[in-house]
Amino acid sequence: MSREPQRHSVYETVVRVEPADLDERNHVNNVVYVRWVQNIAIAHWRTLATAEDQAQIAWVALRHEIDYLSPAFVDDEIVLRTWVGHAERLSFERMTEVRRASDRKLLAKARTLWCPVDARTGRPVRVSAVVRALFSRGA
């Protein structure tokens, strides 16, 4: 999970840790990290993809790998950064970093494999060269 993003392909957003995000140890629950990884991927897609592409293509997560490095706590501002790494015919690797805004400490890093599917049928579908170029470093 050490692949570096290309600058133009990085998408970043900030979220605040809410009380509902905490587990019994009063730090962010692991499930919340998965939600953040999913939400930033969706936001990145919606920011760059055309309305036509969004109507035709949906994404299904095939695999999540998350390394939890340090806890986050209520009211922390969290910087989420994502980019697409290697892309194959039906599998796009997406990397995500989770950092605390105040000190930029890396709290978690994730690697997710996403499959593009036809939005109507749910069947895997290849994306156009234009879509592939928007998001990935290449095949």
Protein backbone atom coordinates (compact mmCIF):
# COMPACT_ATOMS: atom_id res chain seq x y z
CA MET A 1 0.00 0.00 0.00
CA SER A 2 2.89 2.37 -0.51
CA ARG A 3 2.05 3.48 -4.03
CA GLU A 4 2.23 7.25 -4.38
CA PRO A 5 -0.54 9.16 -6.15
CA GLN A 6 -0.19 11.41 -9.13
CA ARG A 7 -0.97 14.95 -8.00
CA HIS A 8 -3.78 15.52 -10.50
CA SER A 9 -5.57 12.35 -9.48
CA VAL A 10 -5.78 12.95 -5.71
CA TYR A 11 -9.12 13.82 -4.15
CA GLU A 12 -9.23 15.19 -0.62
CA THR A 13 -11.95 16.08 1.87
CA VAL A 14 -12.23 16.77 5.60
CA VAL A 15 -14.63 15.15 8.07
CA ARG A 16 -15.12 15.69 11.79
CA VAL A 17 -15.33 12.77 14.21
CA GLU A 18 -18.80 12.71 15.76
CA PRO A 19 -19.81 11.00 19.03
CA ALA A 20 -21.71 8.35 17.03
CA ASP A 21 -18.40 7.37 15.34
CA LEU A 22 -16.88 6.15 18.61
CA ASP A 23 -16.65 2.62 19.97
CA GLU A 24 -16.60 1.48 23.59
CA ARG A 25 -12.96 2.61 23.89
CA ASN A 26 -13.96 6.17 22.87
CA HIS A 27 -12.04 6.16 19.62
CA VAL A 28 -13.30 5.86 16.06
CA ASN A 29 -14.84 2.47 15.37
CA ASN A 30 -13.24 0.40 12.60
CA VAL A 31 -16.53 0.34 10.69
CA VAL A 32 -16.42 4.14 10.45
CA TYR A 33 -13.11 3.93 8.58
CA VAL A 34 -14.74 1.64 6.03
CA ARG A 35 -17.59 4.16 5.67
CA TRP A 36 -15.08 7.00 5.15
CA VAL A 37 -13.19 4.95 2.53
CA GLN A 38 -16.43 4.25 0.68
CA ASN A 39 -17.76 7.81 0.95
CA ILE A 40 -14.61 9.47 -0.36
CA ALA A 41 -14.45 7.03 -3.28
CA ILE A 42 -18.03 7.93 -4.20
CA ALA A 43 -17.33 11.66 -3.84
CA HIS A 44 -14.23 11.39 -6.06
CA TRP A 45 -16.25 9.54 -8.72
CA ARG A 46 -19.07 12.10 -8.61
CA THR A 47 -16.62 15.00 -8.83
CA LEU A 48 -14.85 13.82 -11.98
CA ALA A 49 -17.28 11.56 -13.87
CA THR A 50 -19.82 12.99 -16.26
CA ALA A 51 -23.52 12.68 -15.51
CA GLU A 52 -23.76 10.19 -18.38
CA ASP A 53 -20.98 8.01 -16.95
CA GLN A 54 -22.56 8.17 -13.50
CA ALA A 55 -25.90 7.02 -14.95
CA GLN A 56 -24.26 4.08 -16.73
CA ILE A 57 -21.57 2.92 -14.29
CA ALA A 58 -21.82 1.95 -10.64
CA TRP A 59 -19.06 0.54 -8.44
CA VAL A 60 -18.94 -2.51 -6.20
CA ALA A 61 -16.25 -3.03 -3.60
CA LEU A 62 -14.51 -6.39 -4.03
CA ARG A 63 -12.02 -6.10 -1.17
CA HIS A 64 -11.00 -3.70 1.60
CA GLU A 65 -7.60 -3.79 3.29
CA ILE A 66 -7.14 -1.28 6.12
CA ASP A 67 -4.11 -0.74 8.28
CA TYR A 68 -5.09 1.01 11.53
CA LEU A 69 -2.07 2.93 12.77
CA SER A 70 -3.30 5.35 15.43
CA PRO A 71 -6.70 6.21 16.94
CA ALA A 72 -8.90 9.18 16.19
CA PHE A 73 -11.16 10.77 18.81
CA VAL A 74 -14.33 12.83 19.00
CA ASP A 75 -14.05 16.30 17.43
CA ASP A 76 -10.82 15.45 15.56
CA GLU A 77 -10.83 16.86 12.06
CA ILE A 78 -9.82 14.10 9.69
CA VAL A 79 -8.29 14.60 6.25
CA LEU A 80 -9.24 11.86 3.80
CA ARG A 81 -7.15 11.53 0.62
CA THR A 82 -7.83 9.05 -2.17
CA TRP A 83 -6.50 8.15 -5.58
CA VAL A 84 -6.77 5.26 -8.01
CA GLY A 85 -3.70 3.10 -8.46
CA HIS A 86 -3.45 0.18 -10.84
CA ALA A 87 -6.46 -0.52 -13.03
CA GLU A 88 -7.18 -3.75 -14.81
CA ARG A 89 -10.12 -4.64 -17.02
CA LEU A 90 -12.61 -5.08 -14.20
CA SER A 91 -10.66 -4.13 -11.10
CA PHE A 92 -9.59 -0.67 -9.98
CA GLU A 93 -7.25 -0.33 -7.02
CA ARG A 94 -8.08 2.69 -4.85
CA MET A 95 -5.80 3.94 -2.12
CA THR A 96 -7.01 6.06 0.81
CA GLU A 97 -5.13 7.83 3.58
CA VAL A 98 -6.74 8.95 6.83
CA ARG A 99 -4.84 11.72 8.64
CA ARG A 100 -5.56 13.95 11.63
CA ALA A 101 -5.74 17.53 10.33
CA SER A 102 -4.03 19.14 13.32
CA ASP A 103 -0.72 17.30 12.96
CA ARG A 104 -1.15 15.40 9.63
CA LYS A 105 -0.45 12.15 11.50
CA LEU A 106 -1.31 9.09 9.40
CA LEU A 107 -4.06 7.26 11.32
CA ALA A 108 -4.96 4.62 8.76
CA LYS A 109 -4.35 3.64 5.17
CA ALA A 110 -6.59 1.55 2.97
CA ARG A 111 -6.44 -0.31 -0.30
CA THR A 112 -9.76 -1.19 -1.89
CA LEU A 113 -10.47 -3.08 -5.09
CA TRP A 114 -13.51 -1.79 -6.94
CA CYS A 115 -15.31 -3.36 -9.89
CA PRO A 116 -17.25 -1.20 -12.36
CA VAL A 117 -20.74 -2.56 -13.01
CA ASP A 118 -23.56 -1.62 -15.34
CA ALA A 119 -25.84 0.60 -13.24
CA ARG A 120 -28.96 -1.07 -14.65
CA THR A 121 -28.00 -4.74 -14.68
CA GLY A 122 -25.35 -4.90 -11.95
CA ARG A 123 -23.09 -6.92 -14.24
CA PRO A 124 -19.38 -6.13 -14.50
CA VAL A 125 -18.57 -3.76 -17.34
CA ARG A 126 -15.41 -2.29 -18.79
CA VAL A 127 -15.08 1.48 -18.55
CA SER A 128 -14.15 3.72 -21.44
CA ALA A 129 -10.60 4.88 -22.02
CA VAL A 130 -11.72 8.37 -21.00
CA VAL A 131 -13.00 7.20 -17.61
CA ARG A 132 -9.91 5.07 -17.10
CA ALA A 133 -7.66 8.04 -17.85
CA LEU A 134 -9.52 10.29 -15.38
CA PHE A 135 -8.89 8.01 -12.44
CA SER A 136 -6.04 5.60 -12.95
CA ARG A 137 -2.31 5.47 -13.44
CA GLY A 138 -2.80 2.94 -16.21
CA ALA A 139 -3.44 -0.69 -16.80
